[in-house]
Amino acid sequence: MKILRESKREIEFELEGETHTFYNLLKEYLLLDPNVEISAYKIEHPLEGTMRMYVKVKRGEVRRSIKRALERIIEDLTEIERQLQG
């Protein structure tokens, strides 16, 4: 994770090697948090494939919101895996 800029309520970062699949998943889970005001990502240049994520929260700490979103992703994927195992 490369932090490009950060304050208590905002962060912009890059995740090396990740694609739309992960960025979009994280964006959607972040938007489920009522504290998150903005969650978006963009491609800096289509030939380079570099993506940047921007998150801004209304209240609380932005890192805490990201951590909660990641925990919910893991929980949901674990539940799907459990269901597939029968």
Protein backbone atom coordinates (compact mmCIF):
# COMPACT_ATOMS: atom_id res chain seq x y z
CA MET A 1 0.00 0.00 0.00
CA LYS A 2 1.43 3.32 -1.06
CA ILE A 3 -0.12 6.30 0.75
CA LEU A 4 -0.18 9.32 -1.54
CA ARG A 5 -1.81 11.72 0.91
CA GLU A 6 -3.59 11.39 4.21
CA SER A 7 -5.33 13.34 6.93
CA LYS A 8 -7.57 12.14 9.75
CA ARG A 9 -10.66 12.05 7.51
CA GLU A 10 -9.21 11.55 4.01
CA ILE A 11 -6.79 9.22 2.32
CA GLU A 12 -5.57 8.55 -1.20
CA PHE A 13 -3.57 5.41 -1.86
CA GLU A 14 -2.44 2.86 -4.44
CA LEU A 15 -2.44 -0.91 -4.04
CA GLU A 16 0.26 -2.55 -6.11
CA GLY A 17 -0.98 -5.36 -8.34
CA GLU A 18 -4.69 -4.91 -7.65
CA THR A 19 -7.31 -4.48 -10.37
CA HIS A 20 -10.86 -3.22 -10.77
CA THR A 21 -12.08 -6.38 -9.06
CA PHE A 22 -10.62 -5.52 -5.67
CA TYR A 23 -10.90 -1.74 -5.92
CA ASN A 24 -14.60 -1.96 -6.80
CA LEU A 25 -15.29 -4.47 -4.02
CA LEU A 26 -13.57 -2.25 -1.45
CA LYS A 27 -15.36 0.85 -2.77
CA GLU A 28 -18.78 -0.80 -2.44
CA TYR A 29 -18.13 -2.08 1.08
CA LEU A 30 -16.85 1.33 2.16
CA LEU A 31 -20.04 2.94 0.89
CA LEU A 32 -22.05 0.67 3.22
CA ASP A 33 -20.48 2.54 6.16
CA PRO A 34 -22.64 5.55 7.12
CA ASN A 35 -19.47 7.41 8.17
CA VAL A 36 -18.03 7.23 4.65
CA GLU A 37 -18.83 10.29 2.56
CA ILE A 38 -16.81 9.43 -0.56
CA SER A 39 -15.29 6.18 -1.77
CA ALA A 40 -13.97 6.16 -5.32
CA TYR A 41 -11.09 4.97 -7.44
CA LYS A 42 -9.64 5.98 -10.76
CA ILE A 43 -7.12 4.80 -13.31
CA GLU A 44 -4.32 7.30 -13.69
CA HIS A 45 -3.43 6.11 -17.19
CA PRO A 46 -4.98 3.14 -19.02
CA LEU A 47 -1.68 1.94 -20.46
CA GLU A 48 0.08 1.96 -17.10
CA GLY A 49 -2.76 0.38 -15.11
CA THR A 50 -2.02 2.45 -12.02
CA MET A 51 -5.13 2.89 -9.90
CA ARG A 52 -5.73 5.26 -7.01
CA MET A 53 -8.36 5.01 -4.30
CA TYR A 54 -9.78 8.02 -2.48
CA VAL A 55 -11.80 7.76 0.72
CA LYS A 56 -13.29 10.56 2.82
CA VAL A 57 -15.28 10.09 6.02
CA LYS A 58 -17.82 12.42 7.63
CA ARG A 59 -16.68 11.54 11.12
CA GLY A 60 -14.24 9.19 12.75
CA GLU A 61 -10.93 8.06 11.32
CA VAL A 62 -10.60 7.04 7.68
CA ARG A 63 -8.24 4.15 8.45
CA ARG A 64 -10.80 2.68 10.85
CA SER A 65 -13.47 2.74 8.13
CA ILE A 66 -11.15 0.98 5.69
CA LYS A 67 -10.28 -1.65 8.27
CA ARG A 68 -13.97 -2.30 9.01
CA ALA A 69 -14.73 -2.65 5.29
CA LEU A 70 -11.88 -5.16 4.87
CA GLU A 71 -13.12 -7.14 7.88
CA ARG A 72 -16.65 -7.29 6.39
CA ILE A 73 -15.25 -8.48 3.06
CA ILE A 74 -13.35 -11.27 4.82
CA GLU A 75 -16.44 -12.25 6.85
CA ASP A 76 -18.65 -12.41 3.77
CA LEU A 77 -16.12 -14.41 1.75
CA THR A 78 -15.62 -16.79 4.67
CA GLU A 79 -19.39 -17.34 4.85
CA ILE A 80 -19.59 -18.02 1.11
CA GLU A 81 -16.71 -20.50 1.40
CA ARG A 82 -18.46 -22.21 4.35
CA GLN A 83 -21.69 -22.54 2.35
CA LEU A 84 -19.85 -23.99 -0.64
CA GLN A 85 -18.27 -26.66 1.54
CA GLY A 86 -21.73 -27.85 2.47
